[in-house]
């Protein structure tokens, strides 16, 4: 390339900007701007392109951070289908954050050895509920709900509370029915007659005594 441009091959030559060479996107119709020999000649590593996974045919974003480790090439930790993988999107700190922004690295992509990853609450791999491909670093499942608790027992009365009143002793007024009152009436009448007879007898005796005198 010269003057900041790269001349594509093929029957219809086309020039692309030098910054577009070896960027993972085929600007040239024949793909000559992404050939390994071209990238090596200009001192650039050819980009790693994903060939499968959740985000296929995308350029890997390198370097990236994942579960406490920094990777400069495809990772073999938490493999899916036995293929190295890489993120196709990272956050501002260069950390892989999405559960679907990843792809399986294509042939020729560099691969880093296995690392000792941090758990940090990350579940590693999780299989999709819809039968799709699993994802990396899925969030941990929510804890199960707590079982319902029985209400606490009633608290004892305070020491200054008055004691409860005992039930009254003996028969209550309600226990004395009308039938008991009716049974008592003859007895009262008899007593009245006895007292009246006694008074009359005393008057007769007094009259006789007065006649003898």
N, C-alpha and C. Protein backbone atom coordinates (compact mmCIF):
# COMPACT_ATOMS: atom_id res chain seq x y z
N UNK A 1 0.86 -1.19 0.00
CA UNK A 1 0.00 0.00 0.00
C UNK A 1 0.89 1.23 0.00
N UNK A 2 0.37 2.32 -0.48
CA UNK A 2 1.13 3.57 -0.54
C UNK A 2 0.16 4.74 -0.40
N UNK A 3 0.73 5.84 0.09
CA UNK A 3 -0.05 7.07 0.27
C UNK A 3 -1.27 6.86 1.17
N UNK A 4 -1.12 5.93 2.14
CA UNK A 4 -2.21 5.70 3.10
C UNK A 4 -3.33 4.87 2.56
N UNK A 5 -3.13 4.21 1.42
CA UNK A 5 -4.20 3.40 0.84
C UNK A 5 -3.66 2.02 0.49
N UNK A 6 -4.56 1.07 0.43
CA UNK A 6 -4.21 -0.30 0.07
C UNK A 6 -4.97 -0.65 -1.21
N UNK A 7 -4.23 -1.23 -2.18
CA UNK A 7 -4.82 -1.60 -3.47
C UNK A 7 -5.30 -3.04 -3.41
N UNK A 8 -6.60 -3.24 -3.56
CA UNK A 8 -7.19 -4.59 -3.55
C UNK A 8 -6.78 -5.34 -4.83
N UNK A 9 -6.87 -6.64 -4.78
CA UNK A 9 -6.60 -7.45 -5.96
C UNK A 9 -7.88 -7.69 -6.74
N UNK A 10 -7.76 -8.54 -7.72
CA UNK A 10 -8.93 -8.86 -8.52
C UNK A 10 -8.94 -8.12 -9.84
N UNK A 11 -9.98 -8.40 -10.65
CA UNK A 11 -10.09 -7.80 -11.97
C UNK A 11 -10.47 -6.33 -11.92
N UNK A 12 -11.14 -5.91 -10.87
CA UNK A 12 -11.55 -4.51 -10.72
C UNK A 12 -10.86 -3.96 -9.49
N UNK A 13 -9.61 -3.49 -9.66
CA UNK A 13 -8.85 -3.00 -8.51
C UNK A 13 -9.58 -1.85 -7.81
N UNK A 14 -9.50 -1.92 -6.47
CA UNK A 14 -10.14 -0.89 -5.63
C UNK A 14 -9.19 -0.56 -4.50
N UNK A 15 -9.10 0.67 -4.16
CA UNK A 15 -8.24 1.10 -3.05
C UNK A 15 -9.09 1.35 -1.82
N UNK A 16 -8.60 0.86 -0.67
CA UNK A 16 -9.25 1.11 0.63
C UNK A 16 -8.24 1.80 1.53
N UNK A 17 -8.72 2.47 2.55
CA UNK A 17 -7.84 3.17 3.47
C UNK A 17 -6.97 2.18 4.22
N UNK A 18 -5.75 2.60 4.52
CA UNK A 18 -4.81 1.70 5.18
C UNK A 18 -5.30 1.26 6.55
N UNK A 19 -6.08 2.11 7.23
CA UNK A 19 -6.59 1.75 8.55
C UNK A 19 -7.63 0.64 8.47
N UNK A 20 -8.14 0.39 7.27
CA UNK A 20 -9.15 -0.66 7.10
C UNK A 20 -8.53 -2.02 6.81
N UNK A 21 -7.22 -2.06 6.68
CA UNK A 21 -6.54 -3.32 6.40
C UNK A 21 -6.34 -4.08 7.72
N UNK A 22 -6.64 -5.36 7.68
CA UNK A 22 -6.47 -6.23 8.85
C UNK A 22 -7.27 -5.74 10.06
N UNK A 23 -8.51 -5.33 9.80
CA UNK A 23 -9.40 -4.91 10.89
C UNK A 23 -10.54 -5.89 11.12
N UNK A 24 -10.49 -7.03 10.45
CA UNK A 24 -11.53 -8.02 10.62
C UNK A 24 -12.71 -7.88 9.71
N UNK A 25 -12.73 -6.84 8.87
CA UNK A 25 -13.83 -6.61 7.94
C UNK A 25 -13.28 -6.67 6.54
N UNK A 26 -13.92 -7.41 5.66
CA UNK A 26 -13.46 -7.56 4.28
C UNK A 26 -13.98 -6.39 3.45
N UNK A 27 -13.17 -5.34 3.36
CA UNK A 27 -13.54 -4.22 2.48
C UNK A 27 -13.30 -4.56 1.02
N UNK A 28 -12.27 -5.32 0.75
CA UNK A 28 -11.99 -5.74 -0.62
C UNK A 28 -12.88 -6.92 -1.00
N UNK A 29 -13.33 -6.93 -2.24
CA UNK A 29 -14.22 -8.00 -2.69
C UNK A 29 -13.55 -9.36 -2.65
N UNK A 30 -12.24 -9.38 -2.88
CA UNK A 30 -11.53 -10.67 -2.88
C UNK A 30 -10.96 -11.03 -1.52
N UNK A 31 -11.19 -10.17 -0.49
CA UNK A 31 -10.70 -10.44 0.85
C UNK A 31 -9.21 -10.27 1.02
N UNK A 32 -8.54 -9.60 0.04
CA UNK A 32 -7.09 -9.47 0.12
C UNK A 32 -6.65 -8.56 1.26
N UNK A 33 -7.51 -7.67 1.73
CA UNK A 33 -7.12 -6.76 2.81
C UNK A 33 -7.05 -7.47 4.17
N UNK A 34 -7.52 -8.73 4.25
CA UNK A 34 -7.49 -9.47 5.50
C UNK A 34 -6.63 -10.72 5.41
N UNK A 35 -5.85 -10.85 4.36
CA UNK A 35 -5.00 -12.03 4.22
C UNK A 35 -3.86 -11.99 5.21
N UNK A 36 -3.49 -13.19 5.68
CA UNK A 36 -2.44 -13.29 6.70
C UNK A 36 -1.13 -12.71 6.22
N UNK A 37 -0.78 -12.96 4.96
CA UNK A 37 0.49 -12.45 4.44
C UNK A 37 0.51 -10.92 4.41
N UNK A 38 -0.61 -10.32 4.06
CA UNK A 38 -0.69 -8.86 4.03
C UNK A 38 -0.54 -8.29 5.43
N UNK A 39 -1.27 -8.88 6.38
CA UNK A 39 -1.19 -8.39 7.77
C UNK A 39 0.23 -8.55 8.32
N UNK A 40 0.87 -9.66 8.00
CA UNK A 40 2.24 -9.86 8.47
C UNK A 40 3.18 -8.87 7.84
N UNK A 41 2.96 -8.51 6.55
CA UNK A 41 3.84 -7.57 5.87
C UNK A 41 3.76 -6.18 6.46
N UNK A 42 2.60 -5.79 6.94
CA UNK A 42 2.46 -4.45 7.52
C UNK A 42 2.59 -4.47 9.04
N UNK A 43 2.96 -5.62 9.60
CA UNK A 43 3.21 -5.69 11.04
C UNK A 43 1.96 -5.74 11.89
N UNK A 44 0.87 -6.23 11.35
CA UNK A 44 -0.37 -6.34 12.11
C UNK A 44 -0.79 -7.80 12.19
N UNK A 45 -1.31 -8.15 13.35
CA UNK A 45 -1.86 -9.50 13.50
C UNK A 45 -3.24 -9.53 12.86
N UNK A 46 -3.51 -10.54 12.09
CA UNK A 46 -4.86 -10.64 11.50
C UNK A 46 -5.89 -10.81 12.61
N UNK A 47 -7.01 -10.18 12.51
CA UNK A 47 -8.02 -10.29 13.57
C UNK A 47 -8.59 -11.69 13.64
N UNK A 48 -8.99 -12.04 14.81
CA UNK A 48 -9.64 -13.34 15.02
C UNK A 48 -11.13 -13.17 14.78
N UNK A 49 -11.67 -13.97 13.88
CA UNK A 49 -13.08 -13.90 13.52
C UNK A 49 -13.80 -15.12 14.08
N UNK A 50 -14.94 -14.88 14.70
CA UNK A 50 -15.72 -15.98 15.25
C UNK A 50 -16.42 -16.74 14.13
N UNK A 51 -16.53 -18.04 14.32
CA UNK A 51 -17.17 -18.90 13.31
C UNK A 51 -18.39 -19.62 13.88
N UNK A 52 -18.76 -19.31 15.07
CA UNK A 52 -19.92 -19.93 15.69
C UNK A 52 -20.23 -19.26 17.00
N UNK A 53 -21.10 -19.87 17.78
CA UNK A 53 -21.47 -19.29 19.06
C UNK A 53 -22.65 -18.34 18.93
N UNK A 54 -22.82 -17.52 19.94
CA UNK A 54 -23.94 -16.59 19.95
C UNK A 54 -23.75 -15.44 18.97
N UNK A 55 -22.51 -15.06 18.67
CA UNK A 55 -22.25 -13.92 17.79
C UNK A 55 -21.20 -14.35 16.76
N UNK A 56 -21.64 -15.07 15.75
CA UNK A 56 -20.72 -15.59 14.74
C UNK A 56 -20.39 -14.52 13.72
N UNK A 57 -19.24 -14.74 13.02
CA UNK A 57 -18.76 -13.84 11.95
C UNK A 57 -18.55 -12.43 12.47
N UNK A 58 -18.02 -12.33 13.69
CA UNK A 58 -17.68 -11.04 14.29
C UNK A 58 -16.24 -11.10 14.77
N UNK A 59 -15.63 -9.94 14.84
CA UNK A 59 -14.24 -9.86 15.30
C UNK A 59 -14.17 -9.96 16.82
N UNK A 60 -13.22 -10.75 17.29
CA UNK A 60 -13.00 -10.84 18.72
C UNK A 60 -12.46 -9.51 19.25
N UNK A 61 -12.89 -9.16 20.44
CA UNK A 61 -12.39 -7.96 21.11
C UNK A 61 -11.28 -8.40 22.06
N UNK A 62 -10.06 -8.05 21.72
CA UNK A 62 -8.89 -8.44 22.49
C UNK A 62 -8.06 -7.19 22.82
N UNK A 63 -7.45 -7.18 24.01
CA UNK A 63 -7.58 -8.13 25.13
C UNK A 63 -8.90 -7.92 25.87
N UNK A 64 -9.20 -8.83 26.80
CA UNK A 64 -10.41 -8.71 27.60
C UNK A 64 -10.19 -9.35 28.96
N UNK A 65 -11.03 -8.98 29.90
CA UNK A 65 -10.97 -9.53 31.26
C UNK A 65 -12.18 -10.42 31.49
N UNK A 66 -11.93 -11.53 32.19
CA UNK A 66 -13.01 -12.48 32.45
C UNK A 66 -12.73 -13.21 33.75
N UNK A 67 -13.62 -13.06 34.71
CA UNK A 67 -13.53 -13.74 36.00
C UNK A 67 -12.18 -13.57 36.66
N UNK A 68 -11.74 -12.32 36.72
CA UNK A 68 -10.52 -11.98 37.44
C UNK A 68 -9.23 -12.20 36.68
N UNK A 69 -9.28 -12.59 35.40
CA UNK A 69 -8.07 -12.80 34.59
C UNK A 69 -8.16 -11.97 33.31
N UNK A 70 -6.99 -11.59 32.81
CA UNK A 70 -6.91 -10.82 31.58
C UNK A 70 -6.39 -11.71 30.46
N UNK A 71 -7.08 -11.71 29.33
CA UNK A 71 -6.75 -12.55 28.21
C UNK A 71 -6.37 -11.68 27.01
N UNK A 72 -5.30 -12.09 26.32
CA UNK A 72 -4.89 -11.41 25.09
C UNK A 72 -5.21 -12.23 23.85
N UNK A 73 -5.78 -13.40 24.04
CA UNK A 73 -6.19 -14.26 22.94
C UNK A 73 -7.41 -15.04 23.38
N UNK A 74 -7.83 -15.97 22.53
CA UNK A 74 -9.03 -16.75 22.84
C UNK A 74 -8.83 -17.57 24.11
N UNK A 75 -9.91 -17.77 24.84
CA UNK A 75 -9.85 -18.49 26.11
C UNK A 75 -10.32 -19.92 25.91
N UNK A 76 -9.72 -20.83 26.69
CA UNK A 76 -10.17 -22.22 26.71
C UNK A 76 -10.83 -22.55 28.05
N UNK A 77 -10.95 -21.55 28.92
CA UNK A 77 -11.68 -21.75 30.17
C UNK A 77 -13.17 -21.64 29.89
N UNK A 78 -13.95 -22.48 30.55
CA UNK A 78 -15.40 -22.52 30.34
C UNK A 78 -15.71 -22.76 28.86
N UNK A 79 -15.09 -23.79 28.32
CA UNK A 79 -15.31 -24.11 26.90
C UNK A 79 -16.76 -24.49 26.65
N UNK A 80 -17.25 -24.17 25.48
CA UNK A 80 -18.57 -24.58 25.03
C UNK A 80 -18.36 -25.40 23.75
N UNK A 81 -18.83 -26.61 23.77
CA UNK A 81 -18.65 -27.53 22.64
C UNK A 81 -17.17 -27.78 22.34
N UNK A 82 -16.31 -27.60 23.35
CA UNK A 82 -14.89 -27.88 23.17
C UNK A 82 -14.15 -26.90 22.30
N UNK A 83 -14.71 -25.72 22.05
CA UNK A 83 -14.07 -24.74 21.16
C UNK A 83 -13.64 -23.50 21.96
N UNK A 84 -12.43 -22.98 21.69
CA UNK A 84 -12.03 -21.72 22.32
C UNK A 84 -13.02 -20.61 21.94
N UNK A 85 -13.13 -19.63 22.79
CA UNK A 85 -14.10 -18.57 22.57
C UNK A 85 -13.47 -17.22 22.89
N UNK A 86 -14.17 -16.17 22.48
CA UNK A 86 -13.73 -14.81 22.75
C UNK A 86 -14.96 -13.92 22.82
N UNK A 87 -14.88 -12.81 23.50
CA UNK A 87 -16.01 -11.87 23.51
C UNK A 87 -16.02 -11.03 22.24
N UNK A 88 -17.21 -10.63 21.84
CA UNK A 88 -17.35 -9.70 20.73
C UNK A 88 -17.81 -8.33 21.22
N UNK A 89 -17.89 -8.16 22.53
CA UNK A 89 -18.23 -6.88 23.12
C UNK A 89 -17.74 -6.87 24.56
N UNK A 90 -17.19 -5.75 25.00
CA UNK A 90 -16.71 -5.59 26.37
C UNK A 90 -17.19 -4.24 26.89
N UNK A 91 -17.06 -4.04 28.22
CA UNK A 91 -17.46 -2.76 28.80
C UNK A 91 -16.31 -1.78 28.76
N UNK A 92 -16.48 -0.64 29.45
CA UNK A 92 -15.46 0.41 29.41
C UNK A 92 -14.14 -0.03 30.00
N UNK A 93 -14.16 -0.98 30.94
CA UNK A 93 -12.93 -1.48 31.55
C UNK A 93 -12.36 -2.68 30.79
N UNK A 94 -12.93 -3.02 29.66
CA UNK A 94 -12.42 -4.13 28.88
C UNK A 94 -12.84 -5.49 29.41
N UNK A 95 -13.87 -5.53 30.24
CA UNK A 95 -14.33 -6.79 30.83
C UNK A 95 -15.50 -7.34 30.02
N UNK A 96 -15.48 -8.65 29.84
CA UNK A 96 -16.60 -9.31 29.16
C UNK A 96 -17.81 -9.26 30.09
N UNK A 97 -18.90 -8.72 29.62
CA UNK A 97 -20.04 -8.48 30.49
C UNK A 97 -21.32 -9.14 29.98
N UNK A 98 -21.44 -9.33 28.65
CA UNK A 98 -22.69 -9.84 28.11
C UNK A 98 -22.74 -11.34 28.15
N UNK A 99 -23.95 -11.89 28.27
CA UNK A 99 -24.13 -13.33 28.29
C UNK A 99 -24.38 -13.88 26.89
N UNK A 100 -24.42 -13.02 25.89
CA UNK A 100 -24.61 -13.50 24.51
C UNK A 100 -23.59 -12.91 23.56
N UNK A 101 -22.76 -11.96 24.01
CA UNK A 101 -21.78 -11.32 23.12
C UNK A 101 -20.48 -12.13 23.13
N UNK A 102 -20.53 -13.32 22.56
CA UNK A 102 -19.33 -14.15 22.47
C UNK A 102 -19.46 -15.03 21.22
N UNK A 103 -18.31 -15.56 20.78
CA UNK A 103 -18.32 -16.44 19.63
C UNK A 103 -17.19 -17.44 19.72
N UNK A 104 -17.31 -18.52 18.97
CA UNK A 104 -16.26 -19.53 18.90
C UNK A 104 -15.17 -19.04 17.95
N UNK A 105 -13.94 -19.11 18.42
CA UNK A 105 -12.82 -18.59 17.63
C UNK A 105 -12.59 -19.46 16.39
N UNK A 106 -12.27 -18.80 15.28
CA UNK A 106 -12.02 -19.49 14.05
C UNK A 106 -10.61 -20.08 13.96
N UNK A 107 -10.31 -20.80 12.91
CA UNK A 107 -8.97 -21.37 12.75
C UNK A 107 -7.94 -20.27 12.57
N UNK A 108 -6.78 -20.48 13.13
CA UNK A 108 -5.72 -19.49 13.05
C UNK A 108 -5.71 -18.50 14.18
N UNK A 109 -6.76 -18.46 15.01
CA UNK A 109 -6.80 -17.55 16.16
C UNK A 109 -5.88 -18.07 17.27
N UNK A 110 -5.20 -17.15 17.90
CA UNK A 110 -4.34 -17.53 19.01
C UNK A 110 -5.18 -17.91 20.22
N UNK A 111 -4.64 -18.86 21.00
CA UNK A 111 -5.35 -19.37 22.17
C UNK A 111 -4.42 -19.31 23.36
N UNK A 112 -4.94 -18.83 24.48
CA UNK A 112 -4.15 -18.77 25.70
C UNK A 112 -4.37 -20.02 26.54
N UNK A 113 -3.38 -20.39 27.37
CA UNK A 113 -3.55 -21.57 28.23
C UNK A 113 -4.62 -21.31 29.28
N UNK A 114 -5.01 -22.39 29.93
CA UNK A 114 -6.05 -22.30 30.96
C UNK A 114 -5.56 -21.46 32.13
N UNK A 115 -6.49 -20.76 32.75
CA UNK A 115 -6.20 -19.90 33.89
C UNK A 115 -6.94 -20.41 35.11
N UNK A 116 -6.50 -19.89 36.26
CA UNK A 116 -7.23 -20.13 37.51
C UNK A 116 -8.22 -18.98 37.68
N UNK A 117 -9.47 -19.25 37.37
CA UNK A 117 -10.49 -18.22 37.36
C UNK A 117 -11.09 -18.03 38.74
N UNK A 118 -11.52 -16.81 38.98
CA UNK A 118 -12.21 -16.51 40.22
C UNK A 118 -13.68 -16.86 40.08
N UNK A 119 -14.26 -17.33 41.18
CA UNK A 119 -15.69 -17.62 41.13
C UNK A 119 -16.49 -16.33 41.20
N UNK A 120 -16.25 -15.52 42.21
CA UNK A 120 -16.85 -14.18 42.36
C UNK A 120 -18.34 -14.18 42.04
N UNK A 121 -19.04 -15.22 42.50
CA UNK A 121 -20.48 -15.28 42.30
C UNK A 121 -20.90 -15.60 40.88
N UNK A 122 -19.93 -15.93 40.01
CA UNK A 122 -20.28 -16.22 38.62
C UNK A 122 -20.46 -17.72 38.46
N UNK A 123 -21.49 -18.08 37.72
CA UNK A 123 -21.80 -19.50 37.58
C UNK A 123 -21.03 -20.21 36.50
N UNK A 124 -20.09 -19.53 35.79
CA UNK A 124 -19.34 -20.18 34.73
C UNK A 124 -20.21 -20.37 33.50
N UNK A 125 -20.65 -21.58 33.26
CA UNK A 125 -21.51 -21.87 32.11
C UNK A 125 -22.93 -22.10 32.59
N UNK A 126 -23.86 -21.71 31.77
CA UNK A 126 -25.28 -21.94 32.06
C UNK A 126 -25.98 -22.25 30.75
N UNK A 127 -26.78 -23.29 30.75
CA UNK A 127 -27.49 -23.69 29.54
C UNK A 127 -28.77 -22.87 29.40
N UNK A 128 -29.04 -22.46 28.18
CA UNK A 128 -30.21 -21.63 27.93
C UNK A 128 -31.48 -22.44 28.13
N UNK A 129 -32.50 -21.78 28.70
CA UNK A 129 -33.76 -22.46 28.96
C UNK A 129 -34.54 -22.74 27.68
N UNK A 130 -34.25 -22.00 26.59
CA UNK A 130 -34.98 -22.19 25.35
C UNK A 130 -34.32 -23.21 24.43
N UNK A 131 -33.31 -23.93 24.94
CA UNK A 131 -32.65 -24.94 24.13
C UNK A 131 -31.54 -24.40 23.26
N UNK A 132 -31.23 -23.09 23.37
CA UNK A 132 -30.16 -22.52 22.58
C UNK A 132 -28.80 -22.81 23.17
N UNK A 133 -27.79 -22.13 22.63
CA UNK A 133 -26.43 -22.34 23.12
C UNK A 133 -26.29 -21.80 24.53
N UNK A 134 -25.46 -22.44 25.34
CA UNK A 134 -25.23 -21.90 26.68
C UNK A 134 -24.43 -20.61 26.62
N UNK A 135 -24.35 -19.95 27.73
CA UNK A 135 -23.65 -18.68 27.81
C UNK A 135 -22.57 -18.76 28.88
N UNK A 136 -21.70 -17.78 28.89
CA UNK A 136 -20.62 -17.71 29.87
C UNK A 136 -21.03 -16.82 31.03
N UNK A 137 -20.54 -17.20 32.18
CA UNK A 137 -20.63 -16.36 33.37
C UNK A 137 -22.06 -15.93 33.62
N UNK A 138 -22.95 -16.90 33.68
CA UNK A 138 -24.35 -16.58 33.94
C UNK A 138 -24.51 -16.14 35.38
N UNK A 139 -25.43 -15.25 35.66
CA UNK A 139 -25.63 -14.83 37.05
C UNK A 139 -26.15 -15.98 37.88
N UNK A 140 -25.80 -16.02 39.17
CA UNK A 140 -26.25 -17.13 40.01
C UNK A 140 -27.76 -17.10 40.16
N UNK A 141 -28.39 -18.28 40.37
CA UNK A 141 -29.85 -18.30 40.53
C UNK A 141 -30.28 -17.62 41.81
N UNK A 142 -31.50 -17.16 41.80
CA UNK A 142 -32.04 -16.50 42.98
C UNK A 142 -32.25 -17.51 44.09
N UNK A 143 -32.02 -17.12 45.36
CA UNK A 143 -32.22 -18.06 46.47
C UNK A 143 -33.69 -18.44 46.59
N UNK A 144 -33.98 -19.66 47.07
CA UNK A 144 -35.39 -20.06 47.23
C UNK A 144 -36.07 -19.23 48.29
N UNK A 145 -37.38 -19.05 48.18
CA UNK A 145 -38.10 -18.26 49.20
C UNK A 145 -38.08 -18.95 50.54
N UNK A 146 -38.09 -18.17 51.59
CA UNK A 146 -38.08 -18.71 52.94
C UNK A 146 -39.43 -19.34 53.26
N UNK A 147 -39.45 -20.45 54.03
CA UNK A 147 -40.74 -21.07 54.39
C UNK A 147 -41.52 -20.15 55.31
N UNK A 148 -42.86 -20.23 55.28
CA UNK A 148 -43.66 -19.37 56.18
C UNK A 148 -43.41 -19.73 57.63
N UNK A 149 -43.35 -18.74 58.45
CA UNK A 149 -43.10 -18.93 59.87
C UNK A 149 -44.39 -18.80 60.66
N UNK A 150 -44.51 -19.64 61.73
CA UNK A 150 -45.69 -19.57 62.60
C UNK A 150 -45.63 -18.31 63.44
N UNK A 151 -46.78 -17.76 63.83
CA UNK A 151 -46.76 -16.53 64.64
C UNK A 151 -46.14 -16.80 66.00
N UNK A 152 -45.50 -15.83 66.58
CA UNK A 152 -44.87 -16.03 67.90
C UNK A 152 -45.92 -16.22 68.98
N UNK A 153 -45.59 -16.94 70.07
CA UNK A 153 -46.56 -17.13 71.16
C UNK A 153 -46.88 -15.80 71.83
N UNK A 154 -48.08 -15.69 72.45
CA UNK A 154 -48.41 -14.42 73.11
C UNK A 154 -47.48 -14.15 74.28
N UNK A 155 -47.17 -12.91 74.46
CA UNK A 155 -46.26 -12.52 75.53
C UNK A 155 -46.99 -12.54 76.87
N UNK A 156 -46.30 -12.89 77.97
CA UNK A 156 -46.96 -12.92 79.30
C UNK A 156 -47.35 -11.51 79.73
N UNK A 157 -48.38 -11.42 80.63
CA UNK A 157 -48.79 -10.08 81.08
C UNK A 157 -47.68 -9.43 81.91
N UNK A 158 -47.64 -8.13 81.93
CA UNK A 158 -46.60 -7.46 82.74
C UNK A 158 -46.84 -7.70 84.22
N UNK A 159 -45.79 -7.57 85.03
CA UNK A 159 -45.93 -7.86 86.48
C UNK A 159 -46.89 -6.92 87.17
N UNK A 160 -47.12 -5.72 86.63
CA UNK A 160 -48.01 -4.78 87.30
C UNK A 160 -49.48 -4.98 86.94
N UNK A 161 -49.80 -5.93 86.06
CA UNK A 161 -51.18 -6.14 85.66
C UNK A 161 -51.95 -6.82 86.79
N UNK A 162 -53.22 -6.43 87.06
CA UNK A 162 -54.00 -7.08 88.14
C UNK A 162 -54.31 -8.52 87.78
N UNK A 163 -54.42 -9.39 88.81
CA UNK A 163 -54.74 -10.80 88.53
C UNK A 163 -56.16 -10.92 88.00
N UNK A 164 -56.44 -11.93 87.24
CA UNK A 164 -57.80 -12.12 86.73
C UNK A 164 -58.78 -12.47 87.85
N UNK A 165 -60.03 -12.00 87.76
CA UNK A 165 -61.05 -12.25 88.78
C UNK A 165 -61.49 -13.70 88.73
N UNK A 166 -61.54 -14.39 89.90
CA UNK A 166 -62.03 -15.79 89.90
C UNK A 166 -63.54 -15.81 89.68
N UNK A 167 -64.07 -16.90 89.18
CA UNK A 167 -65.53 -17.00 88.99
C UNK A 167 -66.25 -17.01 90.33
N UNK A 168 -67.43 -16.42 90.43
CA UNK A 168 -68.17 -16.40 91.72
C UNK A 168 -68.55 -17.80 92.13
N UNK A 169 -68.56 -17.99 93.51
CA UNK A 169 -68.92 -19.29 94.09
C UNK A 169 -70.41 -19.32 94.38
N UNK A 170 -70.96 -20.54 94.48
CA UNK A 170 -72.36 -20.70 94.81
C UNK A 170 -73.24 -20.55 93.58
N UNK A 171 -74.51 -20.81 93.75
CA UNK A 171 -75.41 -20.72 92.60
C UNK A 171 -75.65 -19.28 92.21
N UNK A 172 -75.72 -19.04 90.97
CA UNK A 172 -76.01 -17.71 90.47
C UNK A 172 -77.50 -17.49 90.44
N UNK A 173 -77.87 -16.22 90.22
CA UNK A 173 -79.28 -15.90 90.16
C UNK A 173 -79.95 -16.58 89.00
N UNK A 174 -79.18 -16.81 87.96
CA UNK A 174 -79.80 -17.48 86.83
C UNK A 174 -80.17 -18.91 87.13
N UNK A 175 -79.44 -19.53 88.14
CA UNK A 175 -79.75 -20.92 88.47
C UNK A 175 -81.07 -21.07 89.20
N UNK A 176 -81.57 -19.98 89.81
CA UNK A 176 -82.84 -20.03 90.53
C UNK A 176 -83.94 -19.74 89.55
N UNK A 177 -84.65 -20.75 89.12
CA UNK A 177 -85.69 -20.58 88.12
C UNK A 177 -87.02 -20.26 88.74
N UNK A 178 -88.02 -20.08 87.86
CA UNK A 178 -89.36 -19.76 88.35
C UNK A 178 -89.98 -20.91 89.09
N UNK A 179 -89.61 -22.15 88.72
CA UNK A 179 -90.19 -23.30 89.41
C UNK A 179 -89.84 -23.34 90.87
N UNK A 180 -88.61 -22.94 91.26
CA UNK A 180 -88.20 -22.94 92.66
C UNK A 180 -89.01 -21.93 93.44
N UNK A 181 -89.33 -20.78 92.85
CA UNK A 181 -90.11 -19.76 93.56
C UNK A 181 -91.53 -20.26 93.81
N UNK A 182 -92.11 -20.97 92.83
CA UNK A 182 -93.47 -21.49 92.98
C UNK A 182 -93.52 -22.54 94.10
N UNK A 183 -92.48 -23.38 94.23
CA UNK A 183 -92.46 -24.37 95.29
C UNK A 183 -92.38 -23.74 96.67
N UNK A 184 -91.81 -22.57 96.81
CA UNK A 184 -91.67 -21.91 98.10
C UNK A 184 -92.97 -21.22 98.53
N UNK A 185 -93.88 -20.92 97.61
CA UNK A 185 -95.11 -20.19 97.97
C UNK A 185 -96.00 -20.97 98.93
N UNK A 186 -96.29 -22.30 98.78
CA UNK A 186 -97.13 -23.01 99.78
C UNK A 186 -96.55 -22.96 101.17
N UNK A 187 -95.22 -23.07 101.27
CA UNK A 187 -94.60 -23.06 102.60
C UNK A 187 -94.85 -21.73 103.28
N UNK A 188 -94.75 -20.66 102.54
CA UNK A 188 -94.97 -19.33 103.13
C UNK A 188 -96.43 -19.17 103.58
N UNK A 189 -97.35 -19.70 102.75
CA UNK A 189 -98.78 -19.60 103.10
C UNK A 189 -99.09 -20.38 104.38
N UNK A 190 -98.53 -21.60 104.51
CA UNK A 190 -98.75 -22.40 105.72
C UNK A 190 -98.25 -21.70 106.97
N UNK A 191 -97.11 -21.10 106.89
CA UNK A 191 -96.56 -20.37 108.04
C UNK A 191 -97.48 -19.23 108.42
N UNK A 192 -98.05 -18.58 107.43
CA UNK A 192 -98.95 -17.47 107.73
C UNK A 192 -100.20 -17.95 108.44
N UNK A 193 -100.76 -19.11 107.99
CA UNK A 193 -101.94 -19.66 108.64
C UNK A 193 -101.66 -20.06 110.09
N UNK A 194 -100.50 -20.67 110.32
CA UNK A 194 -100.12 -21.08 111.68
C UNK A 194 -100.04 -19.88 112.59
N UNK A 195 -99.39 -18.85 112.11
CA UNK A 195 -99.25 -17.65 112.95
C UNK A 195 -100.61 -17.01 113.21
N UNK A 196 -101.50 -17.00 112.19
CA UNK A 196 -102.83 -16.41 112.38
C UNK A 196 -103.65 -17.22 113.38
N UNK A 197 -103.59 -18.59 113.29
CA UNK A 197 -104.32 -19.43 114.24
C UNK A 197 -103.84 -19.25 115.67
N UNK A 198 -102.53 -19.11 115.81
CA UNK A 198 -101.98 -18.91 117.15
C UNK A 198 -102.48 -17.61 117.74
N UNK A 199 -102.61 -16.60 116.99
CA UNK A 199 -103.08 -15.31 117.49
C UNK A 199 -104.54 -15.40 117.91
N UNK A 200 -105.36 -16.11 117.12
CA UNK A 200 -106.80 -16.26 117.48
C UNK A 200 -106.96 -17.07 118.75
N UNK A 201 -106.19 -18.11 118.94
CA UNK A 201 -106.26 -18.95 120.14
C UNK A 201 -105.90 -18.13 121.37
N UNK A 202 -104.92 -17.30 121.25
CA UNK A 202 -104.53 -16.46 122.38
C UNK A 202 -105.66 -15.50 122.74
N UNK A 203 -106.42 -14.98 121.77
CA UNK A 203 -107.52 -14.06 122.09
C UNK A 203 -108.65 -14.78 122.80
N UNK A 204 -108.94 -16.05 122.40
CA UNK A 204 -110.01 -16.82 123.07
C UNK A 204 -109.66 -17.06 124.53
N UNK A 205 -108.43 -17.47 124.78
CA UNK A 205 -108.01 -17.71 126.17
C UNK A 205 -108.12 -16.45 126.98
N UNK A 206 -107.78 -15.35 126.42
CA UNK A 206 -107.87 -14.09 127.17
C UNK A 206 -109.30 -13.75 127.50
N UNK A 207 -110.25 -14.07 126.61
CA UNK A 207 -111.68 -13.77 126.87
C UNK A 207 -112.23 -14.64 127.99
N UNK A 208 -111.89 -15.94 127.98
CA UNK A 208 -112.36 -16.83 129.03
C UNK A 208 -111.83 -16.41 130.38
N UNK A 209 -110.62 -16.06 130.44
CA UNK A 209 -110.06 -15.61 131.72
C UNK A 209 -110.80 -14.37 132.23
N UNK A 210 -111.13 -13.53 131.35
CA UNK A 210 -111.85 -12.31 131.78
C UNK A 210 -113.25 -12.65 132.29
N UNK A 211 -113.93 -13.72 131.75
CA UNK A 211 -115.27 -14.11 132.21
C UNK A 211 -115.25 -14.71 133.59
N UNK A 212 -114.24 -15.48 133.89
CA UNK A 212 -114.15 -16.05 135.22
C UNK A 212 -113.92 -14.98 136.25
N UNK A 213 -113.28 -14.00 135.87
CA UNK A 213 -113.02 -12.95 136.83
C UNK A 213 -114.29 -12.14 137.05
